[in-house]
Amino acid sequence: MDEGEQRSQRHVRRTVSMLGACLATTSAGTVYLFSTYGPALSHRLGLSSSQSNVVAISANYGLLLSGPLFGWAADTIGPRVLSLIAAVGSFTAFTALAYTYSGAWQMPSWLILSLYMVLVGLSAQSANMAAVTTTTKNFKQNRGSAVSLCIAFFGLSPFVLSHVNTVFFAGDEPDTFGYLRFLSFLGLVTSVAAAGCLTVVGFGPSRYASVPPGFVVDRPPSSSSSSGLLSDRDDESVYGAVKAASTTVREVGEGSTGSSTTAEPAPVNVASNGVDYDTARDLGGWAYVNDVEARLLMLVLFLCAGIGIFYNNNIGTMVNAMYYSSTPHPEARTAQRLINHHVAVVSLGSFVGRLTIGIVADMCKRIWRLPRSGILVVITACVL
């Protein structure tokens, strides 16, 4: 197989993998759907407002606290195994919620319901990490845009599924049991399909025998290659930096020994050649924890990201409270549709925000050389 065929094959595999990643994150977005079935679940089981909030936030505990574990697992056992774990976990969790709601499974305590929701969060994180890590390893130049597209479907999922609830399950008497069963089979089917699509293609083989530690280098960019999201173009800054380093070493060698043998590329200095550290660095473990930008990311997420999660978990409760207190003859069907519409609006905003921020970050990186982590300052200001 010649080089052109290999390149074309990698492009197809990368495209299929990207589609699988979007499918996986769409399935993972079910973790944000509590407001569409939570009020009915709480009413049927007689939960107080505090107990309902604990049950709702349990899914977020499972989602967020398991991130490091599933991130390590994605690098160790691969994305396909994680997708299968997500399939089993999602099917089990929503099936348990459905039969607990119907009364077929007696719930000894609302804490058991919280454990079901933790499993929902764990399954969502498993699918999410499988998708995001695969996308990160498959893209380099357009990594911000690719990852943002991937996680944008994470935010779009409630928009789609809330409309599904409105059309098929929000009748005169909302069918919450059927909706939960639908979510269980949805998680199973989509995660299994994603497992068949996800594969780490990588950036392609390097033309250099040796690369400075911590860097990944592909073939030089071609003038005829596409600049689209799924293209095989390489990061010009990394390629140029390593090529310059190799040339410098070769010239020194020729001047001192008279030999024309090409020396190994020397370690690259970011201050002198402007290496795109945001795409070139390979951090993991304690190196990531001790990194300044990583700490900034964790701090911003801890202080600001929870606001949206808290609001999202309580949409159903707030809409029900306002509707039943302001309507003389309230109907369960109307209340459920109002909740679904509100969830859809929030989800659509999340999708647009997740998608555009990756594109904006890539543009700022290329035009002004602004680190992607610097965008966090702007986003934090908007949140506050």
Protein backbone atom coordinates (compact mmCIF):
# COMPACT_ATOMS: atom_id res chain seq x y z
CA MET A 1 0.00 0.00 0.00
CA ASP A 2 1.52 3.34 -1.07
CA GLU A 3 1.66 6.49 1.03
CA GLY A 4 -1.43 8.05 -0.58
CA GLU A 5 -3.58 5.01 0.17
CA GLN A 6 -2.34 4.89 3.75
CA ARG A 7 -3.16 8.56 4.20
CA SER A 8 -6.63 8.06 2.71
CA GLN A 9 -7.25 5.06 4.95
CA ARG A 10 -6.25 7.02 8.05
CA HIS A 11 -8.56 9.83 7.00
CA VAL A 12 -11.53 7.45 6.71
CA ARG A 13 -10.76 5.79 10.04
CA ARG A 14 -10.39 9.18 11.71
CA THR A 15 -13.73 10.31 10.29
CA VAL A 16 -15.52 7.16 11.48
CA SER A 17 -13.88 7.53 14.88
CA MET A 18 -15.07 11.15 15.09
CA LEU A 19 -18.62 10.07 14.32
CA GLY A 20 -18.36 7.40 17.00
CA ALA A 21 -17.09 9.97 19.49
CA CYS A 22 -20.06 12.26 18.79
CA LEU A 23 -22.40 9.29 19.22
CA ALA A 24 -20.77 8.35 22.52
CA THR A 25 -21.03 11.87 23.97
CA THR A 26 -24.65 12.12 22.83
CA SER A 27 -25.35 9.00 24.88
CA ALA A 28 -23.36 10.40 27.80
CA GLY A 29 -25.54 13.51 27.83
CA THR A 30 -28.34 11.52 29.46
CA VAL A 31 -26.73 12.45 32.78
CA TYR A 32 -28.27 15.93 32.34
CA LEU A 33 -31.82 14.67 31.82
CA PHE A 34 -32.86 14.36 35.47
CA SER A 35 -35.20 17.34 35.22
CA THR A 36 -37.26 15.54 32.54
CA TYR A 37 -38.08 12.59 34.80
CA GLY A 38 -36.94 13.67 38.27
CA PRO A 39 -40.11 15.49 39.39
CA ALA A 40 -42.34 12.52 38.48
CA LEU A 41 -39.89 10.12 40.15
CA SER A 42 -39.75 12.21 43.32
CA HIS A 43 -43.54 12.56 43.45
CA ARG A 44 -44.14 8.84 42.94
CA LEU A 45 -41.61 7.83 45.62
CA GLY A 46 -42.54 10.60 48.04
CA LEU A 47 -39.12 12.28 48.17
CA SER A 48 -38.64 15.61 49.88
CA SER A 49 -37.01 18.53 48.08
CA SER A 50 -33.69 17.90 49.88
CA GLN A 51 -33.75 14.19 49.08
CA SER A 52 -34.56 14.91 45.43
CA ASN A 53 -31.60 17.30 45.22
CA VAL A 54 -29.25 14.72 46.72
CA VAL A 55 -30.47 12.13 44.22
CA ALA A 56 -29.97 14.57 41.32
CA ILE A 57 -26.49 15.67 42.38
CA SER A 58 -25.41 12.05 42.86
CA ALA A 59 -25.22 11.66 39.08
CA ASN A 60 -22.84 14.63 38.94
CA TYR A 61 -20.71 13.14 41.71
CA GLY A 62 -20.39 9.96 39.67
CA LEU A 63 -19.65 11.96 36.53
CA LEU A 64 -17.08 14.40 37.88
CA LEU A 65 -15.25 12.48 40.59
CA SER A 66 -14.59 9.53 38.29
CA GLY A 67 -12.87 11.65 35.65
CA PRO A 68 -9.26 10.84 36.66
CA LEU A 69 -10.04 7.12 36.92
CA PHE A 70 -11.65 6.86 33.51
CA GLY A 71 -9.00 9.13 31.99
CA TRP A 72 -6.35 6.67 33.17
CA ALA A 73 -8.47 3.76 31.95
CA ALA A 74 -8.84 5.33 28.51
CA ASP A 75 -5.04 5.44 28.16
CA THR A 76 -4.60 1.96 29.62
CA ILE A 77 -7.36 -0.30 28.33
CA GLY A 78 -8.53 1.76 25.38
CA PRO A 79 -11.75 3.57 24.39
CA ARG A 80 -13.65 0.52 23.15
CA VAL A 81 -13.63 -1.21 26.53
CA LEU A 82 -14.76 2.03 28.18
CA SER A 83 -17.65 2.30 25.73
CA LEU A 84 -18.76 -1.23 26.58
CA ILE A 85 -18.56 -0.39 30.29
CA ALA A 86 -20.75 2.65 29.60
CA ALA A 87 -23.25 0.47 27.72
CA VAL A 88 -23.66 -1.98 30.61
CA GLY A 89 -23.71 0.75 33.27
CA SER A 90 -26.23 2.98 31.49
CA PHE A 91 -28.59 0.09 30.72
CA THR A 92 -28.43 -1.15 34.33
CA ALA A 93 -28.91 2.26 35.93
CA PHE A 94 -31.91 3.42 33.89
CA THR A 95 -33.54 -0.01 34.06
CA ALA A 96 -33.23 0.12 37.85
CA LEU A 97 -34.74 3.64 37.89
CA ALA A 98 -37.62 2.53 35.66
CA TYR A 99 -38.61 -0.49 37.74
CA THR A 100 -38.16 1.42 40.98
CA TYR A 101 -40.53 4.07 39.63
CA SER A 102 -43.09 1.44 38.60
CA GLY A 103 -42.96 -0.20 42.03
CA ALA A 104 -41.74 -3.55 40.69
CA TRP A 105 -38.53 -3.06 42.67
CA GLN A 106 -39.10 -1.96 46.23
CA MET A 107 -36.75 0.84 47.28
CA PRO A 108 -35.69 0.42 50.94
CA SER A 109 -34.20 3.92 51.01
CA TRP A 110 -33.80 6.98 48.80
CA LEU A 111 -30.07 6.42 49.22
CA ILE A 112 -30.41 3.40 46.91
CA LEU A 113 -31.89 5.74 44.33
CA SER A 114 -28.81 7.93 44.74
CA LEU A 115 -26.59 4.93 44.00
CA TYR A 116 -28.51 4.36 40.77
CA MET A 117 -27.81 7.96 39.81
CA VAL A 118 -24.12 7.57 40.67
CA LEU A 119 -24.05 4.69 38.19
CA VAL A 120 -25.66 6.97 35.59
CA GLY A 121 -22.84 9.46 36.14
CA LEU A 122 -20.14 6.80 36.01
CA SER A 123 -21.51 5.46 32.73
CA ALA A 124 -21.67 8.94 31.24
CA GLN A 125 -18.07 9.68 32.22
CA SER A 126 -16.91 6.36 30.81
CA ALA A 127 -18.49 7.14 27.42
CA ASN A 128 -17.31 10.74 27.54
CA MET A 129 -13.69 9.87 28.31
CA ALA A 130 -13.63 7.22 25.60
CA ALA A 131 -14.75 9.83 23.08
CA VAL A 132 -12.65 12.78 24.23
CA THR A 133 -9.35 10.91 24.64
CA THR A 134 -9.73 9.27 21.24
CA THR A 135 -10.45 12.62 19.60
CA THR A 136 -7.51 14.24 21.38
CA LYS A 137 -5.13 11.56 20.13
CA ASN A 138 -6.46 11.69 16.57
CA PHE A 139 -6.22 15.46 16.01
CA LYS A 140 -3.42 17.93 16.41
CA GLN A 141 -3.73 21.14 14.41
CA ASN A 142 -7.51 21.45 14.86
CA ARG A 143 -7.65 19.75 18.22
CA GLY A 144 -9.66 22.49 19.92
CA SER A 145 -12.34 22.45 17.23
CA ALA A 146 -12.47 18.65 17.12
CA VAL A 147 -12.80 18.24 20.88
CA SER A 148 -15.34 21.06 21.10
CA LEU A 149 -17.47 19.35 18.44
CA CYS A 150 -17.24 16.14 20.43
CA ILE A 151 -18.30 17.62 23.75
CA ALA A 152 -20.88 19.86 22.07
CA PHE A 153 -22.94 16.76 21.40
CA PHE A 154 -22.65 16.07 25.13
CA GLY A 155 -24.56 19.29 25.66
CA LEU A 156 -26.95 18.75 22.73
CA SER A 157 -28.20 15.39 23.98
CA PRO A 158 -30.81 16.81 26.41
CA PHE A 159 -32.16 19.01 23.60
CA VAL A 160 -32.83 16.00 21.38
CA LEU A 161 -34.04 13.65 24.10
CA SER A 162 -36.32 16.19 25.75
CA HIS A 163 -38.11 16.59 22.41
CA VAL A 164 -38.34 12.80 22.18
CA ASN A 165 -39.99 12.86 25.60
CA THR A 166 -42.42 15.57 24.47
CA VAL A 167 -43.45 13.75 21.28
CA PHE A 168 -43.63 10.15 22.48
CA PHE A 169 -43.97 10.09 26.27
CA ALA A 170 -45.64 13.35 27.42
CA GLY A 171 -49.25 12.32 26.77
CA ASP A 172 -52.31 13.08 28.88
CA GLU A 173 -50.63 10.92 31.52
CA PRO A 174 -46.81 11.21 31.10
CA ASP A 175 -45.20 7.80 30.61
CA THR A 176 -42.15 8.16 32.83
CA PHE A 177 -41.61 4.40 33.03
CA GLY A 178 -41.51 4.08 29.24
CA TYR A 179 -39.17 7.08 28.99
CA LEU A 180 -36.71 5.57 31.46
CA ARG A 181 -36.80 2.24 29.62
CA PHE A 182 -36.12 4.11 26.38
CA LEU A 183 -33.07 5.78 27.95
CA SER A 184 -31.76 2.41 29.14
CA PHE A 185 -31.87 0.89 25.64
CA LEU A 186 -30.55 4.10 24.10
CA GLY A 187 -27.45 3.99 26.29
CA LEU A 188 -26.90 0.33 25.49
CA VAL A 189 -27.23 0.62 21.71
CA THR A 190 -25.35 3.89 21.20
CA SER A 191 -22.43 2.90 23.44
CA VAL A 192 -22.02 -0.46 21.71
CA ALA A 193 -22.12 1.30 18.32
CA ALA A 194 -19.53 3.82 19.53
CA ALA A 195 -17.28 0.97 20.68
CA GLY A 196 -17.28 -0.33 17.11
CA CYS A 197 -16.33 3.07 15.69
CA LEU A 198 -13.78 4.46 18.16
CA THR A 199 -10.16 3.81 17.26
CA VAL A 200 -6.94 5.72 17.87
CA VAL A 201 -5.57 6.56 14.43
CA GLY A 202 -2.92 9.01 15.61
CA PHE A 203 -1.29 11.78 13.62
CA GLY A 204 0.58 9.50 11.21
CA PRO A 205 4.21 8.28 11.10
CA SER A 206 7.01 10.71 11.84
CA ARG A 207 9.66 11.42 9.22
CA TYR A 208 12.27 11.82 11.97
CA ALA A 209 14.15 8.97 13.58
CA SER A 210 14.23 10.80 16.89
CA VAL A 211 12.01 13.51 18.33
CA PRO A 212 12.68 15.72 21.39
CA PRO A 213 11.08 14.23 24.52
CA GLY A 214 7.43 15.17 25.00
CA PHE A 215 6.77 16.01 21.35
CA VAL A 216 4.80 14.25 18.64
CA VAL A 217 5.74 15.10 15.04
CA ASP A 218 4.00 14.12 11.83
CA ARG A 219 4.92 14.56 8.18
CA PRO A 220 5.29 18.18 6.98
CA PRO A 221 2.07 19.88 5.86
CA SER A 222 1.26 19.67 2.17
CA SER A 223 0.17 22.74 0.25
CA SER A 224 -2.61 20.75 -1.38
CA SER A 225 -4.05 19.24 1.80
CA SER A 226 -7.38 20.37 3.17
CA SER A 227 -7.67 22.57 6.24
CA GLY A 228 -11.00 21.09 7.29
CA LEU A 229 -11.74 19.64 10.69
CA LEU A 230 -11.11 16.05 9.59
CA SER A 231 -8.04 16.78 7.49
CA ASP A 232 -4.62 15.16 7.90
CA ARG A 233 -2.77 18.46 8.09
CA ASP A 234 -0.10 18.64 10.73
CA ASP A 235 0.80 21.23 13.29
CA GLU A 236 3.15 23.51 11.37
CA SER A 237 4.67 25.04 14.49
CA VAL A 238 5.79 21.67 15.88
CA TYR A 239 7.07 20.48 12.53
CA GLY A 240 8.89 23.74 11.88
CA ALA A 241 10.47 23.78 15.33
CA VAL A 242 11.82 20.24 15.10
CA LYS A 243 12.99 20.79 11.52
CA ALA A 244 14.82 23.94 12.58
CA ALA A 245 16.42 22.13 15.50
CA SER A 246 17.53 19.31 13.20
CA THR A 247 18.98 21.80 10.71
CA THR A 248 20.86 23.65 13.43
CA VAL A 249 22.48 20.50 14.74
CA ARG A 250 23.40 19.39 11.22
CA GLU A 251 25.07 22.73 10.47
CA VAL A 252 27.10 22.60 13.66
CA GLY A 253 28.19 19.06 12.86
CA GLU A 254 29.24 20.01 9.34
CA GLY A 255 31.20 23.00 10.57
CA SER A 256 33.13 21.02 13.13
CA THR A 257 33.72 17.66 11.48
CA GLY A 258 33.19 18.27 7.76
CA SER A 259 30.65 15.45 7.65
CA SER A 260 27.29 15.78 5.96
CA THR A 261 25.62 13.21 8.23
CA THR A 262 22.40 14.50 9.76
CA ALA A 263 22.50 14.58 13.55
CA GLU A 264 19.57 13.84 15.81
CA PRO A 265 17.34 16.85 16.51
CA ALA A 266 18.27 18.70 19.66
CA PRO A 267 15.80 19.42 22.45
CA VAL A 268 13.64 22.34 21.42
CA ASN A 269 13.46 25.53 23.45
CA VAL A 270 10.01 27.01 23.55
CA ALA A 271 11.23 30.55 24.19
CA SER A 272 13.43 30.68 21.10
CA ASN A 273 11.32 28.92 18.50
CA GLY A 274 7.71 29.33 19.66
CA VAL A 275 6.77 25.67 19.85
CA ASP A 276 3.04 25.24 20.23
CA TYR A 277 3.21 23.75 23.68
CA ASP A 278 -0.56 23.56 23.90
CA THR A 279 -0.63 20.84 21.25
CA ALA A 280 2.89 19.43 21.62
CA ARG A 281 3.08 18.64 25.32
CA ASP A 282 2.29 15.19 26.61
CA LEU A 283 1.37 15.47 30.29
CA GLY A 284 0.05 12.82 32.60
CA GLY A 285 0.02 11.75 36.23
CA TRP A 286 1.74 14.04 38.71
CA ALA A 287 3.24 16.11 35.89
CA TYR A 288 -0.29 17.15 34.96
CA VAL A 289 -1.31 17.83 38.57
CA ASN A 290 1.77 20.04 39.08
CA ASP A 291 1.26 21.96 35.84
CA VAL A 292 0.20 25.61 36.32
CA GLU A 293 -2.35 25.60 33.50
CA ALA A 294 -3.86 22.34 34.75
CA ARG A 295 -4.30 23.84 38.21
CA LEU A 296 -5.93 26.92 36.69
CA LEU A 297 -8.33 24.69 34.79
CA MET A 298 -9.26 22.72 37.92
CA LEU A 299 -9.75 25.90 39.96
CA VAL A 300 -12.04 27.54 37.39
CA LEU A 301 -14.12 24.38 36.95
CA PHE A 302 -14.46 23.96 40.71
CA LEU A 303 -15.56 27.55 41.34
CA CYS A 304 -17.70 28.28 38.28
CA ALA A 305 -18.86 25.15 36.47
CA GLY A 306 -21.05 23.93 39.33
CA ILE A 307 -23.47 26.86 38.94
CA GLY A 308 -24.85 25.52 35.66
CA ILE A 309 -25.08 21.97 37.00
CA PHE A 310 -27.09 23.08 40.03
CA TYR A 311 -29.48 25.05 37.84
CA ASN A 312 -29.87 22.20 35.36
CA ASN A 313 -30.72 19.70 38.10
CA ASN A 314 -33.50 21.91 39.45
CA ILE A 315 -35.20 22.99 36.21
CA GLY A 316 -38.04 20.50 36.71
CA THR A 317 -38.68 21.53 40.30
CA MET A 318 -38.68 25.24 39.45
CA VAL A 319 -40.96 24.91 36.43
CA ASN A 320 -43.42 22.73 38.37
CA ALA A 321 -43.46 25.19 41.28
CA MET A 322 -44.17 28.17 39.03
CA TYR A 323 -46.72 26.35 36.86
CA TYR A 324 -48.81 24.73 39.59
CA SER A 325 -48.83 27.92 41.68
CA SER A 326 -49.99 30.15 38.83
CA THR A 327 -52.51 27.94 37.00
CA PRO A 328 -56.06 27.35 38.31
CA HIS A 329 -56.40 23.99 36.56
CA PRO A 330 -52.91 22.54 36.03
CA GLU A 331 -52.36 19.51 33.81
CA ALA A 332 -49.51 17.03 34.18
CA ARG A 333 -49.08 16.89 30.39
CA THR A 334 -48.62 20.66 30.12
CA ALA A 335 -46.20 20.73 33.05
CA GLN A 336 -44.06 17.99 31.49
CA ARG A 337 -43.97 19.78 28.15
CA LEU A 338 -42.91 23.03 29.81
CA ILE A 339 -40.10 21.21 31.58
CA ASN A 340 -38.98 19.57 28.33
CA HIS A 341 -38.97 22.89 26.48
CA HIS A 342 -36.93 24.55 29.23
CA VAL A 343 -34.40 21.70 29.25
CA ALA A 344 -34.18 21.93 25.44
CA VAL A 345 -33.38 25.66 25.54
CA VAL A 346 -30.65 25.21 28.15
CA SER A 347 -29.24 22.26 26.19
CA LEU A 348 -29.16 24.22 22.93
CA GLY A 349 -27.27 27.03 24.63
CA SER A 350 -24.81 24.50 26.03
CA PHE A 351 -24.29 23.00 22.56
CA VAL A 352 -23.61 26.37 20.94
CA GLY A 353 -21.27 27.43 23.76
CA ARG A 354 -19.26 24.20 23.75
CA LEU A 355 -18.89 24.25 19.98
CA THR A 356 -17.99 27.90 19.49
CA ILE A 357 -15.49 28.11 22.34
CA GLY A 358 -13.28 25.46 20.75
CA ILE A 359 -13.28 27.30 17.42
CA VAL A 360 -12.59 30.63 19.14
CA ALA A 361 -9.74 29.05 21.13
CA ASP A 362 -8.15 27.69 17.94
CA MET A 363 -8.44 31.08 16.22
CA CYS A 364 -6.91 32.92 19.18
CA LYS A 365 -4.11 30.36 19.25
CA ARG A 366 -3.26 30.80 15.59
CA ILE A 367 -3.76 34.56 15.24
CA TRP A 368 -2.53 35.96 18.55
CA ARG A 369 -0.62 32.94 19.94
CA LEU A 370 -2.88 33.11 23.00
CA PRO A 371 -2.78 29.86 25.05
CA ARG A 372 -6.08 28.04 25.06
CA SER A 373 -6.03 28.16 28.84
CA GLY A 374 -6.10 31.97 28.56
CA ILE A 375 -9.67 31.73 27.26
CA LEU A 376 -10.62 30.58 30.76
CA VAL A 377 -10.19 34.17 31.99
CA VAL A 378 -12.79 35.43 29.51
CA ILE A 379 -15.21 32.59 30.24
CA THR A 380 -14.89 33.05 34.00
CA ALA A 381 -15.66 36.76 33.64
CA CYS A 382 -18.78 35.93 31.60
CA VAL A 383 -19.99 33.43 34.21
CA LEU A 384 -19.49 35.89 37.06
